[in-house]
Amino acid sequence: MPKTNTYTFSFIALIFLLIICFFVNISLGSVSIPNKEIFKSFLGTIENENWQYIIHDYRLPKAMTAILVGSGLGISGLLMQTLFRNPLAGPFVLGISSGASLGVALVILGTGIFGGVFASILASKWSIVIAASLGSFLVLLAVLMVSSKVKDTMAILIIGLMFGSITAAVVSVLSYFSSAEQLQQYIFWGFGSLGNLSWSELFIFFTIYCLGIFLSAISIKGLNTLLLGENYAKSLGLNIKQSRFIIIIATSLLAGTITAFAGPIAFIGLAIPHITRQVFNTSNHKILLPAVFLFGAIIMLICDSIAQVPASDYTLPINAITSLIGAPVVIWLLVRKRKMIF
């Protein structure tokens, strides 16, 4: 069978699986809702107003957030692994997540040091989102300024890690002077959450997400060329600085926005590209990009469904589930294939 037909079948299967995972995710929760009532809610014929509210104002936005988070982190991880040609690179390797964490720490933990300076900010519903966005943007700005003066791509990777270390150190200092209640609030944010977005917040999230996906899509040719090495890519006429700039912006938009709205979600960005490469057995980004999108969305929906603890009132931290479920899968795939496709 030709490869194109194999890929077509694989994509159809993944889309079908995504739809199933989406409806399963919506059906699970502390309140049991029959599947036929869920379908009725989409048609607007459901009679129970409480069920209608739960589905449309909580479960549906949460499932859509899971799709955006999983696909966005997967794609941004793919971009970073290709740009740096490093299988351990992830979406937060540039320090974007650390910058967002510092912004949130200043808002949540900063009241313990600066008194009432942030008290009025804390009253705002958007305080965490704005703080995380500003923190990631400032780190991105610093990385871009440095990257414009550095020719070696690996140097940017090291600089991103150093920015991450600096911000982590500042967060540690803030944590030392904070109260137990503030630390608990900050730790809960670090667990990550998919279920706190309203439709208006989800719309803003989706708008920025689409811009990041667009920049990723127009970078496909450059990504495929970079796999051959920077020197060879230059000989083919690729503008390395321009391509690098677009890839960094795309990753920052996706990873920064996801961290701002859902918190720092672990594992997905690092592992999804590897899972996709093992399954599809290709390094062509025309295939990898949509495949990573689907795999990321599916695995995130599965992890969120498990985090709901079906038939229970408990909800586990999504960060713990993504690592506990995903890491063994990656290990199994690598042992089974016995080689890293890159």
C-alpha atoms as a PDB file:
ATOM      1  CA  MET A   1       0.000   0.000   0.000  1.00  0.00           C
ATOM      2  CA  PRO A   2       1.410   3.456  -0.880  1.00  0.00           C
ATOM      3  CA  LYS A   3       2.477   5.640   2.020  1.00  0.00           C
ATOM      4  CA  THR A   4       0.018   8.393   1.073  1.00  0.00           C
ATOM      5  CA  ASN A   5      -2.883   5.935   1.434  1.00  0.00           C
ATOM      6  CA  THR A   6      -1.477   4.730   4.759  1.00  0.00           C
ATOM      7  CA  TYR A   7      -1.270   8.280   6.068  1.00  0.00           C
ATOM      8  CA  THR A   8      -4.789   9.035   4.862  1.00  0.00           C
ATOM      9  CA  PHE A   9      -6.162   6.000   6.708  1.00  0.00           C
ATOM     10  CA  SER A  10      -4.180   6.962   9.831  1.00  0.00           C
ATOM     11  CA  PHE A  11      -5.530  10.510   9.792  1.00  0.00           C
ATOM     12  CA  ILE A  12      -9.115   9.305   9.348  1.00  0.00           C
ATOM     13  CA  ALA A  13      -8.649   6.907  12.267  1.00  0.00           C
ATOM     14  CA  LEU A  14      -7.185   9.671  14.459  1.00  0.00           C
ATOM     15  CA  ILE A  15     -10.015  12.093  13.615  1.00  0.00           C
ATOM     16  CA  PHE A  16     -12.572   9.394  14.463  1.00  0.00           C
ATOM     17  CA  LEU A  17     -10.749   8.670  17.740  1.00  0.00           C
ATOM     18  CA  LEU A  18     -10.645  12.385  18.559  1.00  0.00           C
ATOM     19  CA  ILE A  19     -14.422  12.653  18.154  1.00  0.00           C
ATOM     20  CA  ILE A  20     -14.961   9.632  20.419  1.00  0.00           C
ATOM     21  CA  CYS A  21     -12.590  11.014  23.090  1.00  0.00           C
ATOM     22  CA  PHE A  22     -14.333  14.398  22.889  1.00  0.00           C
ATOM     23  CA  PHE A  23     -17.785  12.943  23.628  1.00  0.00           C
ATOM     24  CA  VAL A  24     -16.432  10.579  26.301  1.00  0.00           C
ATOM     25  CA  ASN A  25     -14.773  13.548  28.017  1.00  0.00           C
ATOM     26  CA  ILE A  26     -18.024  15.517  28.017  1.00  0.00           C
ATOM     27  CA  SER A  27     -19.980  12.546  29.405  1.00  0.00           C
ATOM     28  CA  LEU A  28     -17.707  12.109  32.443  1.00  0.00           C
ATOM     29  CA  GLY A  29     -17.927  14.078  35.677  1.00  0.00           C
ATOM     30  CA  SER A  30     -19.262  14.095  39.215  1.00  0.00           C
ATOM     31  CA  VAL A  31     -22.815  14.477  37.834  1.00  0.00           C
ATOM     32  CA  SER A  32     -23.948  11.516  35.739  1.00  0.00           C
ATOM     33  CA  ILE A  33     -25.641  12.623  32.519  1.00  0.00           C
ATOM     34  CA  PRO A  34     -26.995  10.039  30.024  1.00  0.00           C
ATOM     35  CA  ASN A  35     -25.374  10.113  26.587  1.00  0.00           C
ATOM     36  CA  LYS A  36     -28.679  10.724  24.840  1.00  0.00           C
ATOM     37  CA  GLU A  37     -29.188  13.833  26.971  1.00  0.00           C
ATOM     38  CA  ILE A  38     -25.750  15.096  25.919  1.00  0.00           C
ATOM     39  CA  PHE A  39     -26.742  14.792  22.263  1.00  0.00           C
ATOM     40  CA  LYS A  40     -30.037  16.525  23.042  1.00  0.00           C
ATOM     41  CA  SER A  41     -28.126  19.429  24.603  1.00  0.00           C
ATOM     42  CA  PHE A  42     -26.320  20.026  21.302  1.00  0.00           C
ATOM     43  CA  LEU A  43     -29.689  20.081  19.527  1.00  0.00           C
ATOM     44  CA  GLY A  44     -31.154  22.393  22.161  1.00  0.00           C
ATOM     45  CA  THR A  45     -33.903  19.937  23.113  1.00  0.00           C
ATOM     46  CA  ILE A  46     -32.663  18.950  26.585  1.00  0.00           C
ATOM     47  CA  GLU A  47     -35.256  19.598  29.304  1.00  0.00           C
ATOM     48  CA  ASN A  48     -33.079  19.536  32.427  1.00  0.00           C
ATOM     49  CA  GLU A  49     -31.685  23.076  32.823  1.00  0.00           C
ATOM     50  CA  ASN A  50     -29.010  21.972  35.311  1.00  0.00           C
ATOM     51  CA  TRP A  51     -27.635  19.421  32.844  1.00  0.00           C
ATOM     52  CA  GLN A  52     -27.744  22.033  30.107  1.00  0.00           C
ATOM     53  CA  TYR A  53     -25.689  24.415  32.266  1.00  0.00           C
ATOM     54  CA  ILE A  54     -23.144  21.724  33.224  1.00  0.00           C
ATOM     55  CA  ILE A  55     -22.622  20.657  29.607  1.00  0.00           C
ATOM     56  CA  HIS A  56     -22.534  24.054  27.889  1.00  0.00           C
ATOM     57  CA  ASP A  57     -20.887  26.187  30.559  1.00  0.00           C
ATOM     58  CA  TYR A  58     -18.400  23.728  32.053  1.00  0.00           C
ATOM     59  CA  ARG A  59     -17.801  20.434  30.261  1.00  0.00           C
ATOM     60  CA  LEU A  60     -17.874  21.709  26.676  1.00  0.00           C
ATOM     61  CA  PRO A  61     -15.416  24.601  27.297  1.00  0.00           C
ATOM     62  CA  LYS A  62     -13.191  22.201  29.278  1.00  0.00           C
ATOM     63  CA  ALA A  63     -13.105  19.644  26.451  1.00  0.00           C
ATOM     64  CA  MET A  64     -12.321  22.361  23.898  1.00  0.00           C
ATOM     65  CA  THR A  65      -9.598  23.720  26.184  1.00  0.00           C
ATOM     66  CA  ALA A  66      -8.094  20.216  26.364  1.00  0.00           C
ATOM     67  CA  ILE A  67      -7.951  20.064  22.555  1.00  0.00           C
ATOM     68  CA  LEU A  68      -6.287  23.485  22.311  1.00  0.00           C
ATOM     69  CA  VAL A  69      -3.805  22.750  25.106  1.00  0.00           C
ATOM     70  CA  GLY A  70      -2.834  19.278  23.872  1.00  0.00           C
ATOM     71  CA  SER A  71      -2.448  20.246  20.222  1.00  0.00           C
ATOM     72  CA  GLY A  72      -0.746  23.566  20.990  1.00  0.00           C
ATOM     73  CA  LEU A  73       1.843  22.072  23.337  1.00  0.00           C
ATOM     74  CA  GLY A  74       2.491  19.192  20.960  1.00  0.00           C
ATOM     75  CA  ILE A  75       3.107  21.496  18.001  1.00  0.00           C
ATOM     76  CA  SER A  76       5.268  23.928  19.969  1.00  0.00           C
ATOM     77  CA  GLY A  77       7.325  20.974  21.237  1.00  0.00           C
ATOM     78  CA  LEU A  78       7.772  19.760  17.656  1.00  0.00           C
ATOM     79  CA  LEU A  79       8.970  23.216  16.588  1.00  0.00           C
ATOM     80  CA  MET A  80      11.550  23.398  19.356  1.00  0.00           C
ATOM     81  CA  GLN A  81      12.868  19.871  18.794  1.00  0.00           C
ATOM     82  CA  THR A  82      13.345  20.588  15.100  1.00  0.00           C
ATOM     83  CA  LEU A  83      14.831  24.063  15.580  1.00  0.00           C
ATOM     84  CA  PHE A  84      17.408  22.882  18.108  1.00  0.00           C
ATOM     85  CA  ARG A  85      17.666  19.353  16.674  1.00  0.00           C
ATOM     86  CA  ASN A  86      17.422  18.130  20.239  1.00  0.00           C
ATOM     87  CA  PRO A  87      14.998  15.344  21.265  1.00  0.00           C
ATOM     88  CA  LEU A  88      14.884  16.719  24.841  1.00  0.00           C
ATOM     89  CA  ALA A  89      13.738  20.189  23.780  1.00  0.00           C
ATOM     90  CA  GLY A  90      10.183  21.106  24.740  1.00  0.00           C
ATOM     91  CA  PRO A  91       7.845  24.080  24.375  1.00  0.00           C
ATOM     92  CA  PHE A  92       9.142  25.659  27.595  1.00  0.00           C
ATOM     93  CA  VAL A  93      12.857  25.357  26.794  1.00  0.00           C
ATOM     94  CA  LEU A  94      13.083  29.095  25.999  1.00  0.00           C
ATOM     95  CA  GLY A  95      12.005  30.005  29.528  1.00  0.00           C
ATOM     96  CA  ILE A  96       8.452  30.955  28.484  1.00  0.00           C
ATOM     97  CA  SER A  97       6.844  28.846  31.223  1.00  0.00           C
ATOM     98  CA  SER A  98       9.329  30.120  33.801  1.00  0.00           C
ATOM     99  CA  GLY A  99       8.497  33.708  32.873  1.00  0.00           C
ATOM    100  CA  ALA A 100       4.785  32.981  33.229  1.00  0.00           C
ATOM    101  CA  SER A 101       5.426  31.294  36.590  1.00  0.00           C
ATOM    102  CA  LEU A 102       7.346  34.358  37.774  1.00  0.00           C
ATOM    103  CA  GLY A 103       4.494  36.653  36.759  1.00  0.00           C
ATOM    104  CA  VAL A 104       1.988  34.531  38.667  1.00  0.00           C
ATOM    105  CA  ALA A 105       4.353  34.263  41.643  1.00  0.00           C
ATOM    106  CA  LEU A 106       4.621  38.060  41.821  1.00  0.00           C
ATOM    107  CA  VAL A 107       0.848  38.326  42.000  1.00  0.00           C
ATOM    108  CA  ILE A 108       0.173  35.427  44.385  1.00  0.00           C
ATOM    109  CA  LEU A 109       3.334  35.420  46.505  1.00  0.00           C
ATOM    110  CA  GLY A 110       4.315  39.069  46.113  1.00  0.00           C
ATOM    111  CA  THR A 111       1.704  40.256  48.588  1.00  0.00           C
ATOM    112  CA  GLY A 112       3.772  38.665  51.345  1.00  0.00           C
ATOM    113  CA  ILE A 113       6.700  40.963  50.526  1.00  0.00           C
ATOM    114  CA  PHE A 114       5.220  44.074  48.964  1.00  0.00           C
ATOM    115  CA  GLY A 115       2.214  44.347  51.254  1.00  0.00           C
ATOM    116  CA  GLY A 116      -0.845  45.771  49.520  1.00  0.00           C
ATOM    117  CA  VAL A 117       0.812  46.598  46.201  1.00  0.00           C
ATOM    118  CA  PHE A 118      -0.813  43.629  44.473  1.00  0.00           C
ATOM    119  CA  ALA A 119      -3.924  43.413  46.650  1.00  0.00           C
ATOM    120  CA  SER A 120      -6.121  45.289  44.170  1.00  0.00           C
ATOM    121  CA  ILE A 121      -4.743  43.255  41.273  1.00  0.00           C
ATOM    122  CA  LEU A 122      -5.642  40.006  43.031  1.00  0.00           C
ATOM    123  CA  ALA A 123      -9.296  41.056  43.043  1.00  0.00           C
ATOM    124  CA  SER A 124      -9.379  40.837  39.252  1.00  0.00           C
ATOM    125  CA  LYS A 125     -10.525  37.604  37.605  1.00  0.00           C
ATOM    126  CA  TRP A 126      -7.938  38.137  34.888  1.00  0.00           C
ATOM    127  CA  SER A 127      -5.044  38.772  37.276  1.00  0.00           C
ATOM    128  CA  ILE A 128      -3.392  35.356  36.850  1.00  0.00           C
ATOM    129  CA  VAL A 129      -3.811  35.352  33.064  1.00  0.00           C
ATOM    130  CA  ILE A 130      -2.428  38.878  32.680  1.00  0.00           C
ATOM    131  CA  ALA A 131       0.480  38.200  35.059  1.00  0.00           C
ATOM    132  CA  ALA A 132       1.426  34.967  33.286  1.00  0.00           C
ATOM    133  CA  SER A 133       1.146  36.629  29.866  1.00  0.00           C
ATOM    134  CA  LEU A 134       3.329  39.562  30.879  1.00  0.00           C
ATOM    135  CA  GLY A 135       5.927  37.280  32.449  1.00  0.00           C
ATOM    136  CA  SER A 136       6.183  35.053  29.371  1.00  0.00           C
ATOM    137  CA  PHE A 137       6.218  38.095  27.055  1.00  0.00           C
ATOM    138  CA  LEU A 138       9.118  39.728  28.901  1.00  0.00           C
ATOM    139  CA  VAL A 139      11.153  36.522  28.763  1.00  0.00           C
ATOM    140  CA  LEU A 140      10.298  36.155  25.070  1.00  0.00           C
ATOM    141  CA  LEU A 141      11.409  39.749  24.446  1.00  0.00           C
ATOM    142  CA  ALA A 142      14.726  39.083  26.163  1.00  0.00           C
ATOM    143  CA  VAL A 143      15.271  35.858  24.192  1.00  0.00           C
ATOM    144  CA  LEU A 144      14.460  37.598  20.893  1.00  0.00           C
ATOM    145  CA  MET A 145      16.877  40.442  21.668  1.00  0.00           C
ATOM    146  CA  VAL A 146      19.632  37.951  22.396  1.00  0.00           C
ATOM    147  CA  SER A 147      18.796  35.713  19.414  1.00  0.00           C
ATOM    148  CA  SER A 148      19.161  38.664  17.035  1.00  0.00           C
ATOM    149  CA  LYS A 149      22.803  38.994  18.110  1.00  0.00           C
ATOM    150  CA  VAL A 150      23.641  35.287  18.275  1.00  0.00           C
ATOM    151  CA  LYS A 151      24.365  33.183  15.195  1.00  0.00           C
ATOM    152  CA  ASP A 152      24.466  29.785  16.878  1.00  0.00           C
ATOM    153  CA  THR A 153      21.012  28.269  17.478  1.00  0.00           C
ATOM    154  CA  MET A 154      22.299  26.128  20.353  1.00  0.00           C
ATOM    155  CA  ALA A 155      23.382  29.301  22.146  1.00  0.00           C
ATOM    156  CA  ILE A 156      19.732  30.421  22.155  1.00  0.00           C
ATOM    157  CA  LEU A 157      18.797  27.118  23.800  1.00  0.00           C
ATOM    158  CA  ILE A 158      21.346  27.666  26.571  1.00  0.00           C
ATOM    159  CA  ILE A 159      20.257  31.295  27.017  1.00  0.00           C
ATOM    160  CA  GLY A 160      16.618  30.176  27.336  1.00  0.00           C
ATOM    161  CA  LEU A 161      17.616  27.689  30.022  1.00  0.00           C
ATOM    162  CA  MET A 162      19.549  30.406  31.872  1.00  0.00           C
ATOM    163  CA  PHE A 163      16.524  32.719  31.829  1.00  0.00           C
ATOM    164  CA  GLY A 164      14.513  29.822  33.233  1.00  0.00           C
ATOM    165  CA  SER A 165      17.044  29.392  36.051  1.00  0.00           C
ATOM    166  CA  ILE A 166      16.961  33.109  36.900  1.00  0.00           C
ATOM    167  CA  THR A 167      13.162  33.250  37.086  1.00  0.00           C
ATOM    168  CA  ALA A 168      13.067  30.025  39.137  1.00  0.00           C
ATOM    169  CA  ALA A 169      15.507  31.579  41.599  1.00  0.00           C
ATOM    170  CA  VAL A 170      13.311  34.670  41.998  1.00  0.00           C
ATOM    171  CA  VAL A 171      10.254  32.460  42.555  1.00  0.00           C
ATOM    172  CA  SER A 172      12.193  30.583  45.261  1.00  0.00           C
ATOM    173  CA  VAL A 173      12.973  33.842  47.060  1.00  0.00           C
ATOM    174  CA  LEU A 174       9.312  34.911  46.870  1.00  0.00           C
ATOM    175  CA  SER A 175       8.238  31.492  48.173  1.00  0.00           C
ATOM    176  CA  TYR A 176      10.579  31.769  51.165  1.00  0.00           C
ATOM    177  CA  PHE A 177       8.884  34.968  52.371  1.00  0.00           C
ATOM    178  CA  SER A 178       5.309  33.894  51.620  1.00  0.00           C
ATOM    179  CA  SER A 179       2.645  32.452  53.884  1.00  0.00           C
ATOM    180  CA  ALA A 180       1.429  28.850  53.742  1.00  0.00           C
ATOM    181  CA  GLU A 181      -1.875  29.975  52.230  1.00  0.00           C
ATOM    182  CA  GLN A 182      -0.123  31.863  49.419  1.00  0.00           C
ATOM    183  CA  LEU A 183       2.187  28.929  48.735  1.00  0.00           C
ATOM    184  CA  GLN A 184      -0.780  26.592  48.533  1.00  0.00           C
ATOM    185  CA  GLN A 185      -2.504  28.878  46.022  1.00  0.00           C
ATOM    186  CA  TYR A 186       0.623  29.030  43.892  1.00  0.00           C
ATOM    187  CA  ILE A 187       1.101  25.246  44.045  1.00  0.00           C
ATOM    188  CA  PHE A 188      -2.502  24.703  42.963  1.00  0.00           C
ATOM    189  CA  TRP A 189      -1.897  26.951  39.942  1.00  0.00           C
ATOM    190  CA  GLY A 190       1.175  24.871  39.136  1.00  0.00           C
ATOM    191  CA  PHE A 191      -0.979  21.722  38.999  1.00  0.00           C
ATOM    192  CA  GLY A 192      -2.601  23.047  35.840  1.00  0.00           C
ATOM    193  CA  SER A 193      -6.326  23.223  35.143  1.00  0.00           C
ATOM    194  CA  LEU A 194      -8.521  22.911  32.068  1.00  0.00           C
ATOM    195  CA  GLY A 195     -11.891  23.692  33.614  1.00  0.00           C
ATOM    196  CA  ASN A 196     -11.671  27.324  34.658  1.00  0.00           C
ATOM    197  CA  LEU A 197     -12.307  29.102  31.335  1.00  0.00           C
ATOM    198  CA  SER A 198     -15.487  30.895  30.378  1.00  0.00           C
ATOM    199  CA  TRP A 199     -16.565  31.219  26.746  1.00  0.00           C
ATOM    200  CA  SER A 200     -15.163  34.764  26.530  1.00  0.00           C
ATOM    201  CA  GLU A 201     -11.788  33.648  27.891  1.00  0.00           C
ATOM    202  CA  LEU A 202     -11.812  30.636  25.581  1.00  0.00           C
ATOM    203  CA  PHE A 203     -12.428  32.927  22.594  1.00  0.00           C
ATOM    204  CA  ILE A 204      -9.363  35.050  23.412  1.00  0.00           C
ATOM    205  CA  PHE A 205      -7.337  31.885  23.981  1.00  0.00           C
ATOM    206  CA  PHE A 206      -8.498  30.464  20.636  1.00  0.00           C
ATOM    207  CA  THR A 207      -7.681  33.666  18.739  1.00  0.00           C
ATOM    208  CA  ILE A 208      -4.058  33.756  19.908  1.00  0.00           C
ATOM    209  CA  TYR A 209      -3.808  29.982  19.447  1.00  0.00           C
ATOM    210  CA  CYS A 210      -4.880  30.292  15.789  1.00  0.00           C
ATOM    211  CA  LEU A 211      -2.159  32.875  15.172  1.00  0.00           C
ATOM    212  CA  GLY A 212       0.448  30.490  16.620  1.00  0.00           C
ATOM    213  CA  ILE A 213      -0.869  27.619  14.461  1.00  0.00           C
ATOM    214  CA  PHE A 214      -0.754  29.840  11.345  1.00  0.00           C
ATOM    215  CA  LEU A 215       2.880  30.769  11.973  1.00  0.00           C
ATOM    216  CA  SER A 216       3.679  27.098  12.558  1.00  0.00           C
ATOM    217  CA  ALA A 217       2.037  26.117   9.269  1.00  0.00           C
ATOM    218  CA  ILE A 218       3.978  28.661   7.207  1.00  0.00           C
ATOM    219  CA  SER A 219       7.199  27.365   8.819  1.00  0.00           C
ATOM    220  CA  ILE A 220       6.792  23.805   7.485  1.00  0.00           C
ATOM    221  CA  LYS A 221       9.191  24.255   4.557  1.00  0.00           C
ATOM    222  CA  GLY A 222      11.799  25.870   6.810  1.00  0.00           C
ATOM    223  CA  LEU A 223      11.427  23.116   9.424  1.00  0.00           C
ATOM    224  CA  ASN A 224      11.999  20.389   6.843  1.00  0.00           C
ATOM    225  CA  THR A 225      15.063  22.242   5.552  1.00  0.00           C
ATOM    226  CA  LEU A 226      16.499  22.721   9.066  1.00  0.00           C
ATOM    227  CA  LEU A 227      16.508  18.950   9.553  1.00  0.00           C
ATOM    228  CA  LEU A 228      19.415  18.858   7.084  1.00  0.00           C
ATOM    229  CA  GLY A 229      21.495  21.211   9.251  1.00  0.00           C
ATOM    230  CA  GLU A 230      21.836  24.992   9.247  1.00  0.00           C
ATOM    231  CA  ASN A 231      24.765  25.131   6.830  1.00  0.00           C
ATOM    232  CA  TYR A 232      22.986  22.994   4.255  1.00  0.00           C
ATOM    233  CA  ALA A 233      19.769  24.967   4.801  1.00  0.00           C
ATOM    234  CA  LYS A 234      21.653  28.195   4.012  1.00  0.00           C
ATOM    235  CA  SER A 235      22.995  26.652   0.816  1.00  0.00           C
ATOM    236  CA  LEU A 236      19.382  25.938  -0.204  1.00  0.00           C
ATOM    237  CA  GLY A 237      18.534  29.618   0.242  1.00  0.00           C
ATOM    238  CA  LEU A 238      16.753  29.447   3.597  1.00  0.00           C
ATOM    239  CA  ASN A 239      16.861  32.650   5.628  1.00  0.00           C
ATOM    240  CA  ILE A 240      17.920  31.133   8.961  1.00  0.00           C
ATOM    241  CA  LYS A 241      17.324  34.241  11.077  1.00  0.00           C
ATOM    242  CA  GLN A 242      13.848  34.847   9.653  1.00  0.00           C
ATOM    243  CA  SER A 243      12.813  31.200   9.989  1.00  0.00           C
ATOM    244  CA  ARG A 244      14.204  31.034  13.528  1.00  0.00           C
ATOM    245  CA  PHE A 245      12.336  34.210  14.477  1.00  0.00           C
ATOM    246  CA  ILE A 246       8.990  32.915  13.148  1.00  0.00           C
ATOM    247  CA  ILE A 247       9.427  29.538  14.876  1.00  0.00           C
ATOM    248  CA  ILE A 248      10.278  31.185  18.213  1.00  0.00           C
ATOM    249  CA  ILE A 249       7.287  33.550  17.942  1.00  0.00           C
ATOM    250  CA  ALA A 250       4.941  30.665  17.063  1.00  0.00           C
ATOM    251  CA  THR A 251       6.189  28.582  19.999  1.00  0.00           C
ATOM    252  CA  SER A 252       5.952  31.510  22.379  1.00  0.00           C
ATOM    253  CA  LEU A 253       2.390  32.348  21.333  1.00  0.00           C
ATOM    254  CA  LEU A 254       1.260  28.756  21.811  1.00  0.00           C
ATOM    255  CA  ALA A 255       3.207  27.865  24.957  1.00  0.00           C
ATOM    256  CA  GLY A 256       2.816  31.290  26.592  1.00  0.00           C
ATOM    257  CA  THR A 257      -0.940  31.475  26.003  1.00  0.00           C
ATOM    258  CA  ILE A 258      -1.501  27.912  27.186  1.00  0.00           C
ATOM    259  CA  THR A 259       0.486  28.536  30.379  1.00  0.00           C
ATOM    260  CA  ALA A 260      -1.397  31.774  30.996  1.00  0.00           C
ATOM    261  CA  PHE A 261      -4.858  30.203  30.651  1.00  0.00           C
ATOM    262  CA  ALA A 262      -4.301  26.605  31.802  1.00  0.00           C
ATOM    263  CA  GLY A 263      -1.116  26.664  33.863  1.00  0.00           C
ATOM    264  CA  PRO A 264       2.155  24.812  33.202  1.00  0.00           C
ATOM    265  CA  ILE A 265       1.137  21.449  31.710  1.00  0.00           C
ATOM    266  CA  ALA A 266       4.000  18.923  31.774  1.00  0.00           C
ATOM    267  CA  PHE A 267       4.996  16.075  29.428  1.00  0.00           C
ATOM    268  CA  ILE A 268       2.681  16.790  26.463  1.00  0.00           C
ATOM    269  CA  GLY A 269       4.999  19.145  24.571  1.00  0.00           C
ATOM    270  CA  LEU A 270       8.037  16.930  25.042  1.00  0.00           C
ATOM    271  CA  ALA A 271       6.520  13.519  24.366  1.00  0.00           C
ATOM    272  CA  ILE A 272       3.781  13.986  21.754  1.00  0.00           C
ATOM    273  CA  PRO A 273       6.237  14.715  18.888  1.00  0.00           C
ATOM    274  CA  HIS A 274       8.167  11.523  19.744  1.00  0.00           C
ATOM    275  CA  ILE A 275       4.997   9.425  19.890  1.00  0.00           C
ATOM    276  CA  THR A 276       3.916  10.835  16.527  1.00  0.00           C
ATOM    277  CA  ARG A 277       7.278  10.149  14.875  1.00  0.00           C
ATOM    278  CA  GLN A 278       7.265   6.569  16.148  1.00  0.00           C
ATOM    279  CA  VAL A 279       3.738   5.905  14.898  1.00  0.00           C
ATOM    280  CA  PHE A 280       4.019   7.678  11.516  1.00  0.00           C
ATOM    281  CA  ASN A 281       7.691   6.816  10.945  1.00  0.00           C
ATOM    282  CA  THR A 282       8.455  10.090   9.156  1.00  0.00           C
ATOM    283  CA  SER A 283      10.268  13.391   9.707  1.00  0.00           C
ATOM    284  CA  ASN A 284       8.254  15.316   7.098  1.00  0.00           C
ATOM    285  CA  HIS A 285       6.531  18.198   8.876  1.00  0.00           C
ATOM    286  CA  LYS A 286       3.702  18.272   6.325  1.00  0.00           C
ATOM    287  CA  ILE A 287       2.668  14.969   7.902  1.00  0.00           C
ATOM    288  CA  LEU A 288       3.980  15.553  11.423  1.00  0.00           C
ATOM    289  CA  LEU A 289       2.280  18.902  12.095  1.00  0.00           C
ATOM    290  CA  PRO A 290      -1.347  17.752  11.624  1.00  0.00           C
ATOM    291  CA  ALA A 291      -0.520  14.368  13.186  1.00  0.00           C
ATOM    292  CA  VAL A 292       0.931  16.028  16.294  1.00  0.00           C
ATOM    293  CA  PHE A 293      -2.177  18.232  16.449  1.00  0.00           C
ATOM    294  CA  LEU A 294      -4.437  15.168  16.536  1.00  0.00           C
ATOM    295  CA  PHE A 295      -2.263  13.099  18.886  1.00  0.00           C
ATOM    296  CA  GLY A 296      -1.872  16.002  21.308  1.00  0.00           C
ATOM    297  CA  ALA A 297      -5.616  16.690  21.407  1.00  0.00           C
ATOM    298  CA  ILE A 298      -6.505  12.992  21.832  1.00  0.00           C
ATOM    299  CA  ILE A 299      -4.001  12.307  24.607  1.00  0.00           C
ATOM    300  CA  MET A 300      -4.960  15.490  26.454  1.00  0.00           C
ATOM    301  CA  LEU A 301      -8.647  14.511  26.332  1.00  0.00           C
ATOM    302  CA  ILE A 302      -7.797  11.018  27.600  1.00  0.00           C
ATOM    303  CA  CYS A 303      -5.666  12.421  30.443  1.00  0.00           C
ATOM    304  CA  ASP A 304      -8.422  14.857  31.414  1.00  0.00           C
ATOM    305  CA  SER A 305     -11.008  12.068  31.370  1.00  0.00           C
ATOM    306  CA  ILE A 306      -8.814  10.003  33.714  1.00  0.00           C
ATOM    307  CA  ALA A 307      -8.256  13.059  35.939  1.00  0.00           C
ATOM    308  CA  GLN A 308     -12.026  13.305  36.423  1.00  0.00           C
ATOM    309  CA  VAL A 309     -11.903   9.953  38.311  1.00  0.00           C
ATOM    310  CA  PRO A 310     -15.159   8.587  36.819  1.00  0.00           C
ATOM    311  CA  ALA A 311     -17.947   7.841  39.344  1.00  0.00           C
ATOM    312  CA  SER A 312     -16.204  10.054  41.901  1.00  0.00           C
ATOM    313  CA  ASP A 313     -16.309  13.660  43.123  1.00  0.00           C
ATOM    314  CA  TYR A 314     -12.507  13.912  43.007  1.00  0.00           C
ATOM    315  CA  THR A 315     -10.513  15.653  40.291  1.00  0.00           C
ATOM    316  CA  LEU A 316      -6.807  14.838  40.122  1.00  0.00           C
ATOM    317  CA  PRO A 317      -4.142  17.368  39.018  1.00  0.00           C
ATOM    318  CA  ILE A 318      -3.893  17.221  35.227  1.00  0.00           C
ATOM    319  CA  ASN A 319      -0.117  17.655  35.431  1.00  0.00           C
ATOM    320  CA  ALA A 320       0.246  14.411  37.386  1.00  0.00           C
ATOM    321  CA  ILE A 321      -1.946  12.458  34.974  1.00  0.00           C
ATOM    322  CA  THR A 322      -0.139  13.638  31.818  1.00  0.00           C
ATOM    323  CA  SER A 323       3.191  12.439  33.217  1.00  0.00           C
ATOM    324  CA  LEU A 324       1.955   9.211  34.811  1.00  0.00           C
ATOM    325  CA  ILE A 325       0.085   8.104  31.695  1.00  0.00           C
ATOM    326  CA  GLY A 326       2.344   9.512  29.014  1.00  0.00           C
ATOM    327  CA  ALA A 327       5.874   8.727  30.153  1.00  0.00           C
ATOM    328  CA  PRO A 328       5.421   4.921  30.189  1.00  0.00           C
ATOM    329  CA  VAL A 329       3.874   5.105  26.697  1.00  0.00           C
ATOM    330  CA  VAL A 330       6.933   6.907  25.324  1.00  0.00           C
ATOM    331  CA  ILE A 331       9.300   4.428  27.024  1.00  0.00           C
ATOM    332  CA  TRP A 332       7.344   1.493  25.596  1.00  0.00           C
ATOM    333  CA  LEU A 333       7.357   2.964  22.075  1.00  0.00           C
ATOM    334  CA  LEU A 334      11.102   3.653  22.144  1.00  0.00           C
ATOM    335  CA  VAL A 335      11.913   0.176  23.480  1.00  0.00           C
ATOM    336  CA  ARG A 336       9.631  -1.381  20.874  1.00  0.00           C
ATOM    337  CA  LYS A 337      11.115   0.589  17.969  1.00  0.00           C
ATOM    338  CA  ARG A 338      14.651   0.417  19.429  1.00  0.00           C
ATOM    339  CA  LYS A 339      15.625   3.686  17.821  1.00  0.00           C
ATOM    340  CA  MET A 340      14.842   7.395  17.943  1.00  0.00           C
ATOM    341  CA  ILE A 341      13.353   8.828  14.762  1.00  0.00           C
ATOM    342  CA  PHE A 342      14.474  12.394  14.303  1.00  0.00           C
END
